[in-house]
């Protein structure tokens, strides 16, 4: 009986072992599922999943000469950090991406 208790405790401890969370932001960002966005390049760095976004029929209404238009995969950590670090304001969602404006300083 003691062996079963010890075995049960070991199994429980093994199940609690922390595993590093998967970060979907490793590698290339997914492509939008439609043609609404023209992604120009990484916003904060070359490999940033948040991309500077160019003008299309869809984005034309959101462009402003005092702000950058940036699109990130919806729900990604990259999108969350863009809001937290730079005060990005969401203006739209399309093709699996969220579109933000970021005021230039």
PDB file of N, CA and C in Angstrom:
ATOM      1  N   UNK A   1       0.823  -1.198   0.000  1.00  0.00           N
ATOM      2  CA  UNK A   1       0.000   0.000   0.000  1.00  0.00           C
ATOM      3  C   UNK A   1       0.862   1.255   0.000  1.00  0.00           C
ATOM      4  N   UNK A   2       1.957   1.248   0.808  1.00  0.00           N
ATOM      5  CA  UNK A   2       2.841   2.411   0.851  1.00  0.00           C
ATOM      6  C   UNK A   2       3.447   2.691  -0.517  1.00  0.00           C
ATOM      7  N   UNK A   3       3.759   1.623  -1.257  1.00  0.00           N
ATOM      8  CA  UNK A   3       4.345   1.804  -2.580  1.00  0.00           C
ATOM      9  C   UNK A   3       3.369   2.499  -3.521  1.00  0.00           C
ATOM     10  N   UNK A   4       2.084   2.181  -3.418  1.00  0.00           N
ATOM     11  CA  UNK A   4       1.084   2.825  -4.258  1.00  0.00           C
ATOM     12  C   UNK A   4       0.939   4.309  -3.921  1.00  0.00           C
ATOM     13  N   UNK A   5       1.011   4.633  -2.637  1.00  0.00           N
ATOM     14  CA  UNK A   5       0.912   6.031  -2.215  1.00  0.00           C
ATOM     15  C   UNK A   5       2.113   6.811  -2.742  1.00  0.00           C
ATOM     16  N   UNK A   6       3.298   6.237  -2.587  1.00  0.00           N
ATOM     17  CA  UNK A   6       4.511   6.897  -3.072  1.00  0.00           C
ATOM     18  C   UNK A   6       4.445   7.058  -4.590  1.00  0.00           C
ATOM     19  N   UNK A   7       4.009   6.031  -5.267  1.00  0.00           N
ATOM     20  CA  UNK A   7       3.884   6.098  -6.718  1.00  0.00           C
ATOM     21  C   UNK A   7       2.882   7.185  -7.112  1.00  0.00           C
ATOM     22  N   UNK A   8       1.771   7.261  -6.408  1.00  0.00           N
ATOM     23  CA  UNK A   8       0.755   8.283  -6.685  1.00  0.00           C
ATOM     24  C   UNK A   8       1.303   9.688  -6.486  1.00  0.00           C
ATOM     25  N   UNK A   9       2.090   9.877  -5.426  1.00  0.00           N
ATOM     26  CA  UNK A   9       2.693  11.184  -5.164  1.00  0.00           C
ATOM     27  C   UNK A   9       3.682  11.546  -6.274  1.00  0.00           C
ATOM     28  N   UNK A  10       4.495  10.573  -6.700  1.00  0.00           N
ATOM     29  CA  UNK A  10       5.460  10.832  -7.761  1.00  0.00           C
ATOM     30  C   UNK A  10       4.774  11.190  -9.075  1.00  0.00           C
ATOM     31  N   UNK A  11       3.703  10.499  -9.386  1.00  0.00           N
ATOM     32  CA  UNK A  11       2.955  10.799 -10.606  1.00  0.00           C
ATOM     33  C   UNK A  11       2.353  12.204 -10.520  1.00  0.00           C
ATOM     34  N   UNK A  12       1.812  12.552  -9.360  1.00  0.00           N
ATOM     35  CA  UNK A  12       1.219  13.877  -9.174  1.00  0.00           C
ATOM     36  C   UNK A  12       2.278  14.967  -9.316  1.00  0.00           C
ATOM     37  N   UNK A  13       3.456  14.738  -8.745  1.00  0.00           N
ATOM     38  CA  UNK A  13       4.536  15.720  -8.847  1.00  0.00           C
ATOM     39  C   UNK A  13       5.016  15.867 -10.280  1.00  0.00           C
ATOM     40  N   UNK A  14       5.104  14.762 -10.974  1.00  0.00           N
ATOM     41  CA  UNK A  14       5.540  14.818 -12.375  1.00  0.00           C
ATOM     42  C   UNK A  14       4.544  15.609 -13.217  1.00  0.00           C
ATOM     43  N   UNK A  15       3.271  15.488 -12.912  1.00  0.00           N
ATOM     44  CA  UNK A  15       2.243  16.211 -13.658  1.00  0.00           C
ATOM     45  C   UNK A  15       2.314  17.712 -13.393  1.00  0.00           C
ATOM     46  N   UNK A  16       2.840  18.099 -12.240  1.00  0.00           N
ATOM     47  CA  UNK A  16       2.936  19.516 -11.883  1.00  0.00           C
ATOM     48  C   UNK A  16       4.193  20.178 -12.425  1.00  0.00           C
ATOM     49  N   UNK A  17       5.081  19.406 -12.974  1.00  0.00           N
ATOM     50  CA  UNK A  17       6.328  19.953 -13.487  1.00  0.00           C
ATOM     51  C   UNK A  17       6.025  21.020 -14.527  1.00  0.00           C
ATOM     52  N   UNK A  18       6.670  22.169 -14.372  1.00  0.00           N
ATOM     53  CA  UNK A  18       6.418  23.259 -15.304  1.00  0.00           C
ATOM     54  C   UNK A  18       7.080  22.986 -16.643  1.00  0.00           C
ATOM     55  N   UNK A  19       6.327  23.247 -17.690  1.00  0.00           N
ATOM     56  CA  UNK A  19       6.891  23.159 -19.029  1.00  0.00           C
ATOM     57  C   UNK A  19       6.849  24.565 -19.608  1.00  0.00           C
ATOM     58  N   UNK A  20       7.849  24.943 -20.362  1.00  0.00           N
ATOM     59  CA  UNK A  20       7.825  26.288 -20.913  1.00  0.00           C
ATOM     60  C   UNK A  20       6.638  26.456 -21.845  1.00  0.00           C
ATOM     61  N   UNK A  21       5.967  27.606 -21.758  1.00  0.00           N
ATOM     62  CA  UNK A  21       4.814  27.814 -22.635  1.00  0.00           C
ATOM     63  C   UNK A  21       5.257  27.914 -24.080  1.00  0.00           C
ATOM     64  N   UNK A  22       4.403  27.421 -24.952  1.00  0.00           N
ATOM     65  CA  UNK A  22       4.701  27.550 -26.375  1.00  0.00           C
ATOM     66  C   UNK A  22       4.478  28.997 -26.773  1.00  0.00           C
ATOM     67  N   UNK A  23       5.373  29.533 -27.540  1.00  0.00           N
ATOM     68  CA  UNK A  23       5.218  30.899 -28.011  1.00  0.00           C
ATOM     69  C   UNK A  23       5.002  30.869 -29.513  1.00  0.00           C
ATOM     70  N   UNK A  24       3.780  31.142 -29.934  1.00  0.00           N
ATOM     71  CA  UNK A  24       3.488  31.077 -31.356  1.00  0.00           C
ATOM     72  C   UNK A  24       4.225  32.147 -32.151  1.00  0.00           C
ATOM     73  N   UNK A  25       4.819  33.129 -31.471  1.00  0.00           N
ATOM     74  CA  UNK A  25       5.505  34.202 -32.171  1.00  0.00           C
ATOM     75  C   UNK A  25       6.894  33.818 -32.662  1.00  0.00           C
ATOM     76  N   UNK A  26       7.304  32.577 -32.461  1.00  0.00           N
ATOM     77  CA  UNK A  26       8.580  32.160 -33.007  1.00  0.00           C
ATOM     78  C   UNK A  26       8.368  31.779 -34.460  1.00  0.00           C
ATOM     79  N   UNK A  27       9.249  32.210 -35.306  1.00  0.00           N
ATOM     80  CA  UNK A  27       9.102  31.934 -36.732  1.00  0.00           C
ATOM     81  C   UNK A  27       8.333  33.048 -37.419  1.00  0.00           C
ATOM     82  N   UNK A  28       7.940  32.791 -38.629  1.00  0.00           N
ATOM     83  CA  UNK A  28       7.248  33.796 -39.434  1.00  0.00           C
ATOM     84  C   UNK A  28       5.800  33.961 -38.988  1.00  0.00           C
ATOM     85  N   UNK A  29       5.324  35.173 -39.070  1.00  0.00           N
ATOM     86  CA  UNK A  29       3.926  35.459 -38.738  1.00  0.00           C
ATOM     87  C   UNK A  29       3.024  34.815 -39.781  1.00  0.00           C
ATOM     88  N   UNK A  30       1.833  34.409 -39.375  1.00  0.00           N
ATOM     89  CA  UNK A  30       0.911  33.834 -40.353  1.00  0.00           C
ATOM     90  C   UNK A  30       0.468  34.895 -41.353  1.00  0.00           C
ATOM     91  N   UNK A  31       0.147  34.482 -42.534  1.00  0.00           N
ATOM     92  CA  UNK A  31      -0.345  35.408 -43.560  1.00  0.00           C
ATOM     93  C   UNK A  31      -1.821  35.710 -43.308  1.00  0.00           C
ATOM     94  N   UNK A  32      -2.257  36.929 -43.604  1.00  0.00           N
ATOM     95  CA  UNK A  32      -3.688  37.234 -43.486  1.00  0.00           C
ATOM     96  C   UNK A  32      -4.494  36.305 -44.396  1.00  0.00           C
ATOM     97  N   UNK A  33      -5.732  36.044 -44.012  1.00  0.00           N
ATOM     98  CA  UNK A  33      -6.574  35.124 -44.781  1.00  0.00           C
ATOM     99  C   UNK A  33      -7.362  35.838 -45.877  1.00  0.00           C
ATOM    100  N   UNK A  34      -7.096  37.127 -46.081  1.00  0.00           N
ATOM    101  CA  UNK A  34      -7.741  37.857 -47.175  1.00  0.00           C
ATOM    102  C   UNK A  34      -6.772  38.926 -47.688  1.00  0.00           C
ATOM    103  N   UNK A  35      -7.213  39.716 -48.645  1.00  0.00           N
ATOM    104  CA  UNK A  35      -6.351  40.729 -49.262  1.00  0.00           C
ATOM    105  C   UNK A  35      -6.576  42.134 -48.709  1.00  0.00           C
ATOM    106  N   UNK A  36      -7.225  42.261 -47.548  1.00  0.00           N
ATOM    107  CA  UNK A  36      -7.518  43.580 -46.986  1.00  0.00           C
ATOM    108  C   UNK A  36      -6.268  44.323 -46.524  1.00  0.00           C
ATOM    109  N   UNK A  37      -5.213  43.582 -46.176  1.00  0.00           N
ATOM    110  CA  UNK A  37      -4.027  44.206 -45.596  1.00  0.00           C
ATOM    111  C   UNK A  37      -2.818  44.084 -46.510  1.00  0.00           C
ATOM    112  N   UNK A  38      -2.051  45.152 -46.566  1.00  0.00           N
ATOM    113  CA  UNK A  38      -0.753  45.126 -47.247  1.00  0.00           C
ATOM    114  C   UNK A  38       0.286  45.310 -46.156  1.00  0.00           C
ATOM    115  N   UNK A  39       0.898  44.200 -45.746  1.00  0.00           N
ATOM    116  CA  UNK A  39       1.878  44.226 -44.674  1.00  0.00           C
ATOM    117  C   UNK A  39       3.238  44.594 -45.251  1.00  0.00           C
ATOM    118  N   UNK A  40       3.840  45.649 -44.717  1.00  0.00           N
ATOM    119  CA  UNK A  40       5.058  46.213 -45.280  1.00  0.00           C
ATOM    120  C   UNK A  40       6.314  45.615 -44.649  1.00  0.00           C
ATOM    121  N   UNK A  41       6.306  45.400 -43.344  1.00  0.00           N
ATOM    122  CA  UNK A  41       7.478  44.851 -42.656  1.00  0.00           C
ATOM    123  C   UNK A  41       7.298  44.963 -41.159  1.00  0.00           C
ATOM    124  N   UNK A  42       8.155  44.262 -40.413  1.00  0.00           N
ATOM    125  CA  UNK A  42       8.075  44.274 -38.958  1.00  0.00           C
ATOM    126  C   UNK A  42       8.079  45.685 -38.407  1.00  0.00           C
ATOM    127  N   UNK A  43       7.243  45.949 -37.409  1.00  0.00           N
ATOM    128  CA  UNK A  43       7.101  47.307 -36.880  1.00  0.00           C
ATOM    129  C   UNK A  43       8.226  47.668 -35.912  1.00  0.00           C
ATOM    130  N   UNK A  44       8.435  46.831 -34.895  1.00  0.00           N
ATOM    131  CA  UNK A  44       9.458  47.138 -33.881  1.00  0.00           C
ATOM    132  C   UNK A  44      10.814  46.541 -34.230  1.00  0.00           C
ATOM    133  N   UNK A  45      10.805  45.515 -35.034  1.00  0.00           N
ATOM    134  CA  UNK A  45      12.033  44.880 -35.504  1.00  0.00           C
ATOM    135  C   UNK A  45      11.682  44.094 -36.764  1.00  0.00           C
ATOM    136  N   UNK A  46      12.696  43.625 -37.449  1.00  0.00           N
ATOM    137  CA  UNK A  46      12.479  42.911 -38.711  1.00  0.00           C
ATOM    138  C   UNK A  46      11.603  41.671 -38.545  1.00  0.00           C
ATOM    139  N   UNK A  47      11.746  40.973 -37.405  1.00  0.00           N
ATOM    140  CA  UNK A  47      10.988  39.735 -37.201  1.00  0.00           C
ATOM    141  C   UNK A  47       9.750  39.918 -36.314  1.00  0.00           C
ATOM    142  N   UNK A  48       9.333  41.164 -36.100  1.00  0.00           N
ATOM    143  CA  UNK A  48       8.139  41.448 -35.289  1.00  0.00           C
ATOM    144  C   UNK A  48       6.900  40.932 -36.016  1.00  0.00           C
ATOM    145  N   UNK A  49       6.035  40.235 -35.286  1.00  0.00           N
ATOM    146  CA  UNK A  49       4.779  39.758 -35.873  1.00  0.00           C
ATOM    147  C   UNK A  49       3.831  40.914 -36.157  1.00  0.00           C
ATOM    148  N   UNK A  50       4.000  42.033 -35.481  1.00  0.00           N
ATOM    149  CA  UNK A  50       3.209  43.226 -35.779  1.00  0.00           C
ATOM    150  C   UNK A  50       3.879  43.934 -36.947  1.00  0.00           C
ATOM    151  N   UNK A  51       3.098  44.183 -37.977  1.00  0.00           N
ATOM    152  CA  UNK A  51       3.630  44.688 -39.240  1.00  0.00           C
ATOM    153  C   UNK A  51       3.092  46.086 -39.552  1.00  0.00           C
ATOM    154  N   UNK A  52       3.991  46.954 -40.000  1.00  0.00           N
ATOM    155  CA  UNK A  52       3.562  48.233 -40.530  1.00  0.00           C
ATOM    156  C   UNK A  52       2.635  47.914 -41.702  1.00  0.00           C
ATOM    157  N   UNK A  53       1.529  48.626 -41.804  1.00  0.00           N
ATOM    158  CA  UNK A  53       0.494  48.285 -42.770  1.00  0.00           C
ATOM    159  C   UNK A  53       0.293  49.424 -43.763  1.00  0.00           C
ATOM    160  N   UNK A  54       0.315  49.080 -45.034  1.00  0.00           N
ATOM    161  CA  UNK A  54       0.154  50.069 -46.095  1.00  0.00           C
ATOM    162  C   UNK A  54      -1.294  50.280 -46.482  1.00  0.00           C
ATOM    163  N   UNK A  55      -1.486  51.170 -47.435  1.00  0.00           N
ATOM    164  CA  UNK A  55      -2.834  51.546 -47.852  1.00  0.00           C
ATOM    165  C   UNK A  55      -3.455  50.522 -48.799  1.00  0.00           C
ATOM    166  N   UNK A  56      -4.688  50.162 -48.502  1.00  0.00           N
ATOM    167  CA  UNK A  56      -5.548  49.343 -49.358  1.00  0.00           C
ATOM    168  C   UNK A  56      -6.940  49.969 -49.295  1.00  0.00           C
ATOM    169  N   UNK A  57      -7.867  49.431 -50.051  1.00  0.00           N
ATOM    170  CA  UNK A  57      -9.243  49.921 -49.974  1.00  0.00           C
ATOM    171  C   UNK A  57      -9.776  49.781 -48.549  1.00  0.00           C
ATOM    172  N   UNK A  58      -9.378  48.713 -47.852  1.00  0.00           N
ATOM    173  CA  UNK A  58      -9.850  48.466 -46.488  1.00  0.00           C
ATOM    174  C   UNK A  58      -9.212  49.432 -45.486  1.00  0.00           C
ATOM    175  N   UNK A  59      -7.915  49.667 -45.593  1.00  0.00           N
ATOM    176  CA  UNK A  59      -7.196  50.455 -44.581  1.00  0.00           C
ATOM    177  C   UNK A  59      -7.243  51.960 -44.823  1.00  0.00           C
ATOM    178  N   UNK A  60      -7.671  52.389 -45.998  1.00  0.00           N
ATOM    179  CA  UNK A  60      -7.661  53.803 -46.344  1.00  0.00           C
ATOM    180  C   UNK A  60      -8.314  54.716 -45.320  1.00  0.00           C
ATOM    181  N   UNK A  61      -9.402  54.271 -44.730  1.00  0.00           N
ATOM    182  CA  UNK A  61     -10.112  55.105 -43.747  1.00  0.00           C
ATOM    183  C   UNK A  61      -9.391  55.213 -42.405  1.00  0.00           C
ATOM    184  N   UNK A  62      -8.419  54.345 -42.170  1.00  0.00           N
ATOM    185  CA  UNK A  62      -7.721  54.347 -40.887  1.00  0.00           C
ATOM    186  C   UNK A  62      -6.385  55.070 -40.941  1.00  0.00           C
ATOM    187  N   UNK A  63      -5.915  55.387 -42.138  1.00  0.00           N
ATOM    188  CA  UNK A  63      -4.610  56.031 -42.272  1.00  0.00           C
ATOM    189  C   UNK A  63      -4.680  57.474 -41.799  1.00  0.00           C
ATOM    190  N   UNK A  64      -3.618  57.898 -41.142  1.00  0.00           N
ATOM    191  CA  UNK A  64      -3.537  59.235 -40.577  1.00  0.00           C
ATOM    192  C   UNK A  64      -2.073  59.651 -40.627  1.00  0.00           C
ATOM    193  N   UNK A  65      -1.795  60.855 -41.084  1.00  0.00           N
ATOM    194  CA  UNK A  65      -0.400  61.286 -41.206  1.00  0.00           C
ATOM    195  C   UNK A  65       0.293  61.474 -39.853  1.00  0.00           C
ATOM    196  N   UNK A  66      -0.455  61.423 -38.743  1.00  0.00           N
ATOM    197  CA  UNK A  66       0.145  61.580 -37.419  1.00  0.00           C
ATOM    198  C   UNK A  66       0.305  60.256 -36.676  1.00  0.00           C
ATOM    199  N   UNK A  67      -0.063  59.145 -37.333  1.00  0.00           N
ATOM    200  CA  UNK A  67      -0.016  57.845 -36.665  1.00  0.00           C
ATOM    201  C   UNK A  67       0.437  56.762 -37.631  1.00  0.00           C
ATOM    202  N   UNK A  68       0.986  55.705 -37.067  1.00  0.00           N
ATOM    203  CA  UNK A  68       1.342  54.520 -37.841  1.00  0.00           C
ATOM    204  C   UNK A  68       0.189  53.535 -37.790  1.00  0.00           C
ATOM    205  N   UNK A  69      -0.060  52.861 -38.895  1.00  0.00           N
ATOM    206  CA  UNK A  69      -1.059  51.800 -38.952  1.00  0.00           C
ATOM    207  C   UNK A  69      -0.302  50.486 -38.879  1.00  0.00           C
ATOM    208  N   UNK A  70      -0.640  49.663 -37.885  1.00  0.00           N
ATOM    209  CA  UNK A  70       0.090  48.426 -37.606  1.00  0.00           C
ATOM    210  C   UNK A  70      -0.911  47.289 -37.434  1.00  0.00           C
ATOM    211  N   UNK A  71      -0.604  46.134 -38.020  1.00  0.00           N
ATOM    212  CA  UNK A  71      -1.488  44.966 -37.919  1.00  0.00           C
ATOM    213  C   UNK A  71      -0.733  43.809 -37.281  1.00  0.00           C
ATOM    214  N   UNK A  72      -1.409  43.116 -36.353  1.00  0.00           N
ATOM    215  CA  UNK A  72      -0.829  41.976 -35.640  1.00  0.00           C
ATOM    216  C   UNK A  72      -1.806  40.807 -35.700  1.00  0.00           C
ATOM    217  N   UNK A  73      -1.302  39.566 -35.676  1.00  0.00           N
ATOM    218  CA  UNK A  73      -2.214  38.427 -35.593  1.00  0.00           C
ATOM    219  C   UNK A  73      -3.123  38.588 -34.368  1.00  0.00           C
ATOM    220  N   UNK A  74      -4.399  38.450 -34.569  1.00  0.00           N
ATOM    221  CA  UNK A  74      -5.374  38.643 -33.500  1.00  0.00           C
ATOM    222  C   UNK A  74      -5.099  37.702 -32.329  1.00  0.00           C
ATOM    223  N   UNK A  75      -5.047  38.269 -31.128  1.00  0.00           N
ATOM    224  CA  UNK A  75      -4.846  37.490 -29.910  1.00  0.00           C
ATOM    225  C   UNK A  75      -3.415  37.125 -29.612  1.00  0.00           C
ATOM    226  N   UNK A  76      -2.476  37.551 -30.420  1.00  0.00           N
ATOM    227  CA  UNK A  76      -1.076  37.181 -30.204  1.00  0.00           C
ATOM    228  C   UNK A  76      -0.451  37.995 -29.075  1.00  0.00           C
ATOM    229  N   UNK A  77       0.619  37.439 -28.514  1.00  0.00           N
ATOM    230  CA  UNK A  77       1.376  38.169 -27.496  1.00  0.00           C
ATOM    231  C   UNK A  77       1.960  39.438 -28.092  1.00  0.00           C
ATOM    232  N   UNK A  78       2.302  39.397 -29.368  1.00  0.00           N
ATOM    233  CA  UNK A  78       2.839  40.583 -30.042  1.00  0.00           C
ATOM    234  C   UNK A  78       1.806  41.705 -30.033  1.00  0.00           C
ATOM    235  N   UNK A  79       0.551  41.381 -30.288  1.00  0.00           N
ATOM    236  CA  UNK A  79      -0.515  42.381 -30.275  1.00  0.00           C
ATOM    237  C   UNK A  79      -0.711  42.932 -28.871  1.00  0.00           C
ATOM    238  N   UNK A  80      -0.699  42.059 -27.885  1.00  0.00           N
ATOM    239  CA  UNK A  80      -0.880  42.494 -26.501  1.00  0.00           C
ATOM    240  C   UNK A  80       0.240  43.427 -26.066  1.00  0.00           C
ATOM    241  N   UNK A  81       1.470  43.109 -26.444  1.00  0.00           N
ATOM    242  CA  UNK A  81       2.587  43.959 -26.046  1.00  0.00           C
ATOM    243  C   UNK A  81       2.562  45.290 -26.797  1.00  0.00           C
ATOM    244  N   UNK A  82       2.045  45.314 -28.017  1.00  0.00           N
ATOM    245  CA  UNK A  82       1.934  46.555 -28.769  1.00  0.00           C
ATOM    246  C   UNK A  82       1.009  47.529 -28.028  1.00  0.00           C
ATOM    247  N   UNK A  83      -0.087  47.016 -27.508  1.00  0.00           N
ATOM    248  CA  UNK A  83      -1.029  47.845 -26.761  1.00  0.00           C
ATOM    249  C   UNK A  83      -0.397  48.292 -25.442  1.00  0.00           C
ATOM    250  N   UNK A  84       0.201  47.341 -24.718  1.00  0.00           N
ATOM    251  CA  UNK A  84       0.769  47.659 -23.405  1.00  0.00           C
ATOM    252  C   UNK A  84       1.966  48.603 -23.498  1.00  0.00           C
ATOM    253  N   UNK A  85       2.838  48.381 -24.465  1.00  0.00           N
ATOM    254  CA  UNK A  85       4.079  49.149 -24.541  1.00  0.00           C
ATOM    255  C   UNK A  85       3.947  50.467 -25.292  1.00  0.00           C
ATOM    256  N   UNK A  86       3.087  50.499 -26.305  1.00  0.00           N
ATOM    257  CA  UNK A  86       3.039  51.680 -27.176  1.00  0.00           C
ATOM    258  C   UNK A  86       1.686  52.385 -27.199  1.00  0.00           C
ATOM    259  N   UNK A  87       0.724  51.875 -26.432  1.00  0.00           N
ATOM    260  CA  UNK A  87      -0.590  52.515 -26.399  1.00  0.00           C
ATOM    261  C   UNK A  87      -1.365  52.393 -27.698  1.00  0.00           C
ATOM    262  N   UNK A  88      -1.143  51.309 -28.423  1.00  0.00           N
ATOM    263  CA  UNK A  88      -1.842  51.095 -29.691  1.00  0.00           C
ATOM    264  C   UNK A  88      -3.352  51.047 -29.456  1.00  0.00           C
ATOM    265  N   UNK A  89      -4.096  51.613 -30.401  1.00  0.00           N
ATOM    266  CA  UNK A  89      -5.561  51.654 -30.321  1.00  0.00           C
ATOM    267  C   UNK A  89      -6.120  50.813 -31.465  1.00  0.00           C
ATOM    268  N   UNK A  90      -6.959  49.842 -31.117  1.00  0.00           N
ATOM    269  CA  UNK A  90      -7.546  48.969 -32.130  1.00  0.00           C
ATOM    270  C   UNK A  90      -8.568  49.730 -32.959  1.00  0.00           C
ATOM    271  N   UNK A  91      -8.476  49.559 -34.304  1.00  0.00           N
ATOM    272  CA  UNK A  91      -9.442  50.215 -35.189  1.00  0.00           C
ATOM    273  C   UNK A  91     -10.217  49.226 -36.046  1.00  0.00           C
ATOM    274  N   UNK A  92      -9.716  47.992 -36.207  1.00  0.00           N
ATOM    275  CA  UNK A  92     -10.415  47.021 -37.061  1.00  0.00           C
ATOM    276  C   UNK A  92      -9.838  45.627 -36.853  1.00  0.00           C
ATOM    277  N   UNK A  93     -10.559  44.639 -37.379  1.00  0.00           N
ATOM    278  CA  UNK A  93     -10.086  43.251 -37.457  1.00  0.00           C
ATOM    279  C   UNK A  93     -10.444  42.725 -38.833  1.00  0.00           C
ATOM    280  N   UNK A  94      -9.505  41.988 -39.426  1.00  0.00           N
ATOM    281  CA  UNK A  94      -9.771  41.370 -40.728  1.00  0.00           C
ATOM    282  C   UNK A  94      -8.742  40.286 -41.000  1.00  0.00           C
ATOM    283  N   UNK A  95      -9.152  39.225 -41.600  1.00  0.00           N
ATOM    284  CA  UNK A  95      -8.239  38.180 -42.053  1.00  0.00           C
ATOM    285  C   UNK A  95      -7.365  37.574 -40.971  1.00  0.00           C
ATOM    286  N   UNK A  96      -7.866  37.508 -39.733  1.00  0.00           N
ATOM    287  CA  UNK A  96      -7.075  36.950 -38.637  1.00  0.00           C
ATOM    288  C   UNK A  96      -6.107  37.947 -38.022  1.00  0.00           C
ATOM    289  N   UNK A  97      -6.194  39.191 -38.422  1.00  0.00           N
ATOM    290  CA  UNK A  97      -5.331  40.256 -37.912  1.00  0.00           C
ATOM    291  C   UNK A  97      -6.155  41.352 -37.256  1.00  0.00           C
ATOM    292  N   UNK A  98      -5.569  41.978 -36.242  1.00  0.00           N
ATOM    293  CA  UNK A  98      -6.145  43.160 -35.620  1.00  0.00           C
ATOM    294  C   UNK A  98      -5.330  44.354 -36.086  1.00  0.00           C
ATOM    295  N   UNK A  99      -6.020  45.417 -36.473  1.00  0.00           N
ATOM    296  CA  UNK A  99      -5.369  46.618 -36.991  1.00  0.00           C
ATOM    297  C   UNK A  99      -5.386  47.693 -35.905  1.00  0.00           C
ATOM    298  N   UNK A 100      -4.233  48.308 -35.691  1.00  0.00           N
ATOM    299  CA  UNK A 100      -4.073  49.323 -34.650  1.00  0.00           C
ATOM    300  C   UNK A 100      -3.519  50.612 -35.247  1.00  0.00           C
ATOM    301  N   UNK A 101      -3.795  51.722 -34.570  1.00  0.00           N
ATOM    302  CA  UNK A 101      -3.086  52.963 -34.867  1.00  0.00           C
ATOM    303  C   UNK A 101      -2.201  53.283 -33.666  1.00  0.00           C
ATOM    304  N   UNK A 102      -1.028  53.829 -33.968  1.00  0.00           N
ATOM    305  CA  UNK A 102      -0.080  54.215 -32.926  1.00  0.00           C
ATOM    306  C   UNK A 102       0.360  55.644 -33.240  1.00  0.00           C
ATOM    307  N   UNK A 103       0.078  56.543 -32.329  1.00  0.00           N
ATOM    308  CA  UNK A 103       0.455  57.940 -32.520  1.00  0.00           C
ATOM    309  C   UNK A 103       1.956  58.097 -32.576  1.00  0.00           C
ATOM    310  N   UNK A 104       2.427  58.885 -33.526  1.00  0.00           N
ATOM    311  CA  UNK A 104       3.852  59.194 -33.609  1.00  0.00           C
ATOM    312  C   UNK A 104       4.160  60.295 -32.616  1.00  0.00           C
ATOM    313  N   UNK A 105       5.359  60.264 -32.076  1.00  0.00           N
ATOM    314  CA  UNK A 105       5.738  61.307 -31.104  1.00  0.00           C
ATOM    315  C   UNK A 105       6.320  62.493 -31.774  1.00  0.00           C
TER     316      UNK A 105
END
